[in-house]
Amino acid sequence: MALDMQAICWLLLLVILVLIEALTLGLTTIWFAAGAAAACLLSIFGQGIWVQLIAFCAVSFVLLVLTRPLAMKRMKKEKTPTNADGVIGQAAVVTEMIDNLVGKGAVQVRGQEWTARSDDDAKVIPAGTRVTVEAIKGVKLIVKEELS
């Protein structure tokens, strides 16, 4: 049984979508690959292009809506806390003036030196000031000046 051009196009789309899914592993195109498979089967059995397009859209949409939330829940990875997370909320001392506008600043917390930025871009915090670690952004601590 020879494949017609529509079936070949759906098959080609199916292969491309599966390859994209394999490369990204993000559950982004697998639903549409299933839709393309359904449309390809309909094409093989002689259904018209409109039936194929409707099947592609319907199968893709139904699978996306009904199974993606379940699949994402199963794939969801728990965030593993690190030792760095332990510095949030800790007191620190500014060792190098913190000035977000020039991209400079450092603090010492728990005996370790960290690059730091102020939680307020307009605020310059001089060396020797006590601060509190509010967050970690990349490899920089975001700090807030303690009130005296």
C-alpha atoms as a PDB file:
ATOM      1  CA  MET A   1       0.000   0.000   0.000  1.00  0.00           C
ATOM      2  CA  ALA A   2       1.611   3.226  -1.168  1.00  0.00           C
ATOM      3  CA  LEU A   3       1.406   6.309   1.001  1.00  0.00           C
ATOM      4  CA  ASP A   4      -0.122   9.406  -0.531  1.00  0.00           C
ATOM      5  CA  MET A   5       1.507  12.815  -0.233  1.00  0.00           C
ATOM      6  CA  GLN A   6      -0.699  13.897   2.689  1.00  0.00           C
ATOM      7  CA  ALA A   7       0.249  10.815   4.705  1.00  0.00           C
ATOM      8  CA  ILE A   8       3.932  11.433   3.964  1.00  0.00           C
ATOM      9  CA  CYS A   9       3.598  15.048   5.134  1.00  0.00           C
ATOM     10  CA  TRP A  10       1.904  13.963   8.381  1.00  0.00           C
ATOM     11  CA  LEU A  11       4.555  11.286   8.883  1.00  0.00           C
ATOM     12  CA  LEU A  12       7.309  13.837   8.305  1.00  0.00           C
ATOM     13  CA  LEU A  13       5.669  16.217  10.794  1.00  0.00           C
ATOM     14  CA  LEU A  14       5.390  13.359  13.283  1.00  0.00           C
ATOM     15  CA  VAL A  15       9.105  12.554  12.980  1.00  0.00           C
ATOM     16  CA  ILE A  16      10.110  16.223  13.336  1.00  0.00           C
ATOM     17  CA  LEU A  17       7.927  16.672  16.435  1.00  0.00           C
ATOM     18  CA  VAL A  18       9.272  13.500  18.048  1.00  0.00           C
ATOM     19  CA  LEU A  19      12.839  14.633  17.339  1.00  0.00           C
ATOM     20  CA  ILE A  20      12.153  18.033  18.896  1.00  0.00           C
ATOM     21  CA  GLU A  21      10.654  16.318  21.935  1.00  0.00           C
ATOM     22  CA  ALA A  22      13.655  14.009  22.229  1.00  0.00           C
ATOM     23  CA  LEU A  23      16.037  16.956  22.101  1.00  0.00           C
ATOM     24  CA  THR A  24      14.175  19.162  24.577  1.00  0.00           C
ATOM     25  CA  LEU A  25      12.641  16.617  26.971  1.00  0.00           C
ATOM     26  CA  GLY A  26      10.219  19.322  28.006  1.00  0.00           C
ATOM     27  CA  LEU A  27       6.889  17.781  27.024  1.00  0.00           C
ATOM     28  CA  THR A  28       6.303  20.503  24.478  1.00  0.00           C
ATOM     29  CA  THR A  29       5.642  18.727  21.191  1.00  0.00           C
ATOM     30  CA  ILE A  30       4.687  15.176  22.090  1.00  0.00           C
ATOM     31  CA  TRP A  31       0.974  16.042  22.155  1.00  0.00           C
ATOM     32  CA  PHE A  32       1.168  17.417  18.613  1.00  0.00           C
ATOM     33  CA  ALA A  33       3.131  14.365  17.499  1.00  0.00           C
ATOM     34  CA  ALA A  34       0.199  12.223  18.628  1.00  0.00           C
ATOM     35  CA  GLY A  35      -2.139  14.498  16.676  1.00  0.00           C
ATOM     36  CA  ALA A  36       0.051  14.124  13.589  1.00  0.00           C
ATOM     37  CA  ALA A  37      -0.029  10.328  14.016  1.00  0.00           C
ATOM     38  CA  ALA A  38      -3.828  10.367  14.152  1.00  0.00           C
ATOM     39  CA  ALA A  39      -4.005  12.571  11.055  1.00  0.00           C
ATOM     40  CA  CYS A  40      -1.526  10.316   9.247  1.00  0.00           C
ATOM     41  CA  LEU A  41      -3.677   7.262   9.985  1.00  0.00           C
ATOM     42  CA  LEU A  42      -6.772   9.034   8.720  1.00  0.00           C
ATOM     43  CA  SER A  43      -4.909   9.996   5.561  1.00  0.00           C
ATOM     44  CA  ILE A  44      -3.835   6.379   5.009  1.00  0.00           C
ATOM     45  CA  PHE A  45      -7.482   5.302   5.332  1.00  0.00           C
ATOM     46  CA  GLY A  46      -8.539   7.843   2.715  1.00  0.00           C
ATOM     47  CA  GLN A  47     -10.120  10.571   4.827  1.00  0.00           C
ATOM     48  CA  GLY A  48     -10.107  14.120   3.462  1.00  0.00           C
ATOM     49  CA  ILE A  49      -7.717  16.863   4.497  1.00  0.00           C
ATOM     50  CA  TRP A  50     -10.347  18.633   6.618  1.00  0.00           C
ATOM     51  CA  VAL A  51     -11.000  15.492   8.643  1.00  0.00           C
ATOM     52  CA  GLN A  52      -7.246  15.086   9.067  1.00  0.00           C
ATOM     53  CA  LEU A  53      -6.791  18.689  10.232  1.00  0.00           C
ATOM     54  CA  ILE A  54      -9.700  18.455  12.650  1.00  0.00           C
ATOM     55  CA  ALA A  55      -8.340  15.179  14.049  1.00  0.00           C
ATOM     56  CA  PHE A  56      -4.855  16.692  14.387  1.00  0.00           C
ATOM     57  CA  CYS A  57      -6.201  19.683  16.320  1.00  0.00           C
ATOM     58  CA  ALA A  58      -8.648  17.660  18.422  1.00  0.00           C
ATOM     59  CA  VAL A  59      -6.205  14.918  19.427  1.00  0.00           C
ATOM     60  CA  SER A  60      -3.450  17.446  20.153  1.00  0.00           C
ATOM     61  CA  PHE A  61      -5.757  19.650  22.229  1.00  0.00           C
ATOM     62  CA  VAL A  62      -7.370  16.805  24.178  1.00  0.00           C
ATOM     63  CA  LEU A  63      -4.034  15.200  25.020  1.00  0.00           C
ATOM     64  CA  LEU A  64      -2.515  18.549  25.931  1.00  0.00           C
ATOM     65  CA  VAL A  65      -5.375  19.487  28.252  1.00  0.00           C
ATOM     66  CA  LEU A  66      -5.971  16.086  29.823  1.00  0.00           C
ATOM     67  CA  THR A  67      -2.520  14.560  30.160  1.00  0.00           C
ATOM     68  CA  ARG A  68      -0.011  17.407  30.367  1.00  0.00           C
ATOM     69  CA  PRO A  69      -0.862  18.381  33.968  1.00  0.00           C
ATOM     70  CA  LEU A  70      -0.460  14.755  35.066  1.00  0.00           C
ATOM     71  CA  ALA A  71       2.801  14.356  33.172  1.00  0.00           C
ATOM     72  CA  MET A  72       4.209  17.620  34.528  1.00  0.00           C
ATOM     73  CA  LYS A  73       3.345  16.589  38.083  1.00  0.00           C
ATOM     74  CA  ARG A  74       5.237  13.323  37.621  1.00  0.00           C
ATOM     75  CA  MET A  75       8.217  15.118  36.081  1.00  0.00           C
ATOM     76  CA  LYS A  76       8.324  17.884  38.677  1.00  0.00           C
ATOM     77  CA  LYS A  77      11.599  17.755  40.487  1.00  0.00           C
ATOM     78  CA  GLU A  78      11.834  18.733  44.094  1.00  0.00           C
ATOM     79  CA  LYS A  79      14.169  21.635  44.749  1.00  0.00           C
ATOM     80  CA  THR A  80      17.119  20.364  46.707  1.00  0.00           C
ATOM     81  CA  PRO A  81      18.155  22.883  49.319  1.00  0.00           C
ATOM     82  CA  THR A  82      21.845  23.694  49.388  1.00  0.00           C
ATOM     83  CA  ASN A  83      24.117  25.052  52.078  1.00  0.00           C
ATOM     84  CA  ALA A  84      23.915  28.415  50.339  1.00  0.00           C
ATOM     85  CA  ASP A  85      20.185  28.602  51.140  1.00  0.00           C
ATOM     86  CA  GLY A  86      21.171  28.589  54.822  1.00  0.00           C
ATOM     87  CA  VAL A  87      22.587  32.123  54.593  1.00  0.00           C
ATOM     88  CA  ILE A  88      19.189  33.645  53.831  1.00  0.00           C
ATOM     89  CA  GLY A  89      18.077  35.577  56.892  1.00  0.00           C
ATOM     90  CA  GLN A  90      21.585  35.642  58.350  1.00  0.00           C
ATOM     91  CA  ALA A  91      23.427  38.763  59.469  1.00  0.00           C
ATOM     92  CA  ALA A  92      26.438  39.817  57.406  1.00  0.00           C
ATOM     93  CA  VAL A  93      29.021  42.595  57.394  1.00  0.00           C
ATOM     94  CA  VAL A  94      29.771  44.624  54.274  1.00  0.00           C
ATOM     95  CA  THR A  95      33.451  44.186  53.373  1.00  0.00           C
ATOM     96  CA  GLU A  96      33.339  46.163  50.114  1.00  0.00           C
ATOM     97  CA  MET A  97      30.969  49.079  49.578  1.00  0.00           C
ATOM     98  CA  ILE A  98      27.776  47.869  47.890  1.00  0.00           C
ATOM     99  CA  ASP A  99      26.724  49.993  44.924  1.00  0.00           C
ATOM    100  CA  ASN A 100      24.365  48.319  42.477  1.00  0.00           C
ATOM    101  CA  LEU A 101      24.787  51.039  39.864  1.00  0.00           C
ATOM    102  CA  VAL A 102      28.503  50.303  39.465  1.00  0.00           C
ATOM    103  CA  GLY A 103      28.108  46.578  40.132  1.00  0.00           C
ATOM    104  CA  LYS A 104      30.318  46.371  43.211  1.00  0.00           C
ATOM    105  CA  GLY A 105      29.924  45.006  46.673  1.00  0.00           C
ATOM    106  CA  ALA A 106      30.829  42.162  48.977  1.00  0.00           C
ATOM    107  CA  VAL A 107      29.830  40.876  52.382  1.00  0.00           C
ATOM    108  CA  GLN A 108      31.116  38.349  54.843  1.00  0.00           C
ATOM    109  CA  VAL A 109      28.614  35.905  56.274  1.00  0.00           C
ATOM    110  CA  ARG A 110      29.463  32.840  58.352  1.00  0.00           C
ATOM    111  CA  GLY A 111      33.122  33.471  57.668  1.00  0.00           C
ATOM    112  CA  GLN A 112      32.696  33.378  53.905  1.00  0.00           C
ATOM    113  CA  GLU A 113      33.078  36.227  51.437  1.00  0.00           C
ATOM    114  CA  TRP A 114      30.189  36.705  49.009  1.00  0.00           C
ATOM    115  CA  THR A 115      29.514  39.105  46.173  1.00  0.00           C
ATOM    116  CA  ALA A 116      26.524  41.176  47.227  1.00  0.00           C
ATOM    117  CA  ARG A 117      23.984  43.650  45.926  1.00  0.00           C
ATOM    118  CA  SER A 118      21.522  45.846  47.766  1.00  0.00           C
ATOM    119  CA  ASP A 119      17.793  45.134  47.623  1.00  0.00           C
ATOM    120  CA  ASP A 120      17.419  48.816  46.736  1.00  0.00           C
ATOM    121  CA  ASP A 121      19.276  49.922  43.576  1.00  0.00           C
ATOM    122  CA  ALA A 122      19.364  53.527  44.776  1.00  0.00           C
ATOM    123  CA  LYS A 123      21.009  52.663  48.096  1.00  0.00           C
ATOM    124  CA  VAL A 124      24.787  52.589  48.579  1.00  0.00           C
ATOM    125  CA  ILE A 125      25.859  50.626  51.645  1.00  0.00           C
ATOM    126  CA  PRO A 126      29.299  51.499  53.041  1.00  0.00           C
ATOM    127  CA  ALA A 127      31.862  48.937  54.206  1.00  0.00           C
ATOM    128  CA  GLY A 128      31.494  47.922  57.851  1.00  0.00           C
ATOM    129  CA  THR A 129      27.674  48.138  57.793  1.00  0.00           C
ATOM    130  CA  ARG A 130      25.639  45.241  59.191  1.00  0.00           C
ATOM    131  CA  VAL A 131      23.135  43.834  56.723  1.00  0.00           C
ATOM    132  CA  THR A 132      20.682  40.958  56.522  1.00  0.00           C
ATOM    133  CA  VAL A 133      20.725  38.477  53.633  1.00  0.00           C
ATOM    134  CA  GLU A 134      17.328  38.653  51.913  1.00  0.00           C
ATOM    135  CA  ALA A 135      17.864  36.305  48.968  1.00  0.00           C
ATOM    136  CA  ILE A 136      20.346  34.671  46.618  1.00  0.00           C
ATOM    137  CA  LYS A 137      20.259  35.705  42.973  1.00  0.00           C
ATOM    138  CA  GLY A 138      22.663  33.643  40.908  1.00  0.00           C
ATOM    139  CA  VAL A 139      25.913  33.781  42.889  1.00  0.00           C
ATOM    140  CA  LYS A 140      25.179  37.100  44.571  1.00  0.00           C
ATOM    141  CA  LEU A 141      23.556  37.742  47.903  1.00  0.00           C
ATOM    142  CA  ILE A 142      20.797  40.333  47.980  1.00  0.00           C
ATOM    143  CA  VAL A 143      21.092  42.215  51.259  1.00  0.00           C
ATOM    144  CA  LYS A 144      19.183  44.809  53.209  1.00  0.00           C
ATOM    145  CA  GLU A 145      20.745  47.270  55.590  1.00  0.00           C
ATOM    146  CA  GLU A 146      19.825  46.552  59.204  1.00  0.00           C
ATOM    147  CA  LEU A 147      18.088  49.372  61.019  1.00  0.00           C
ATOM    148  CA  SER A 148      19.996  50.694  64.020  1.00  0.00           C
END
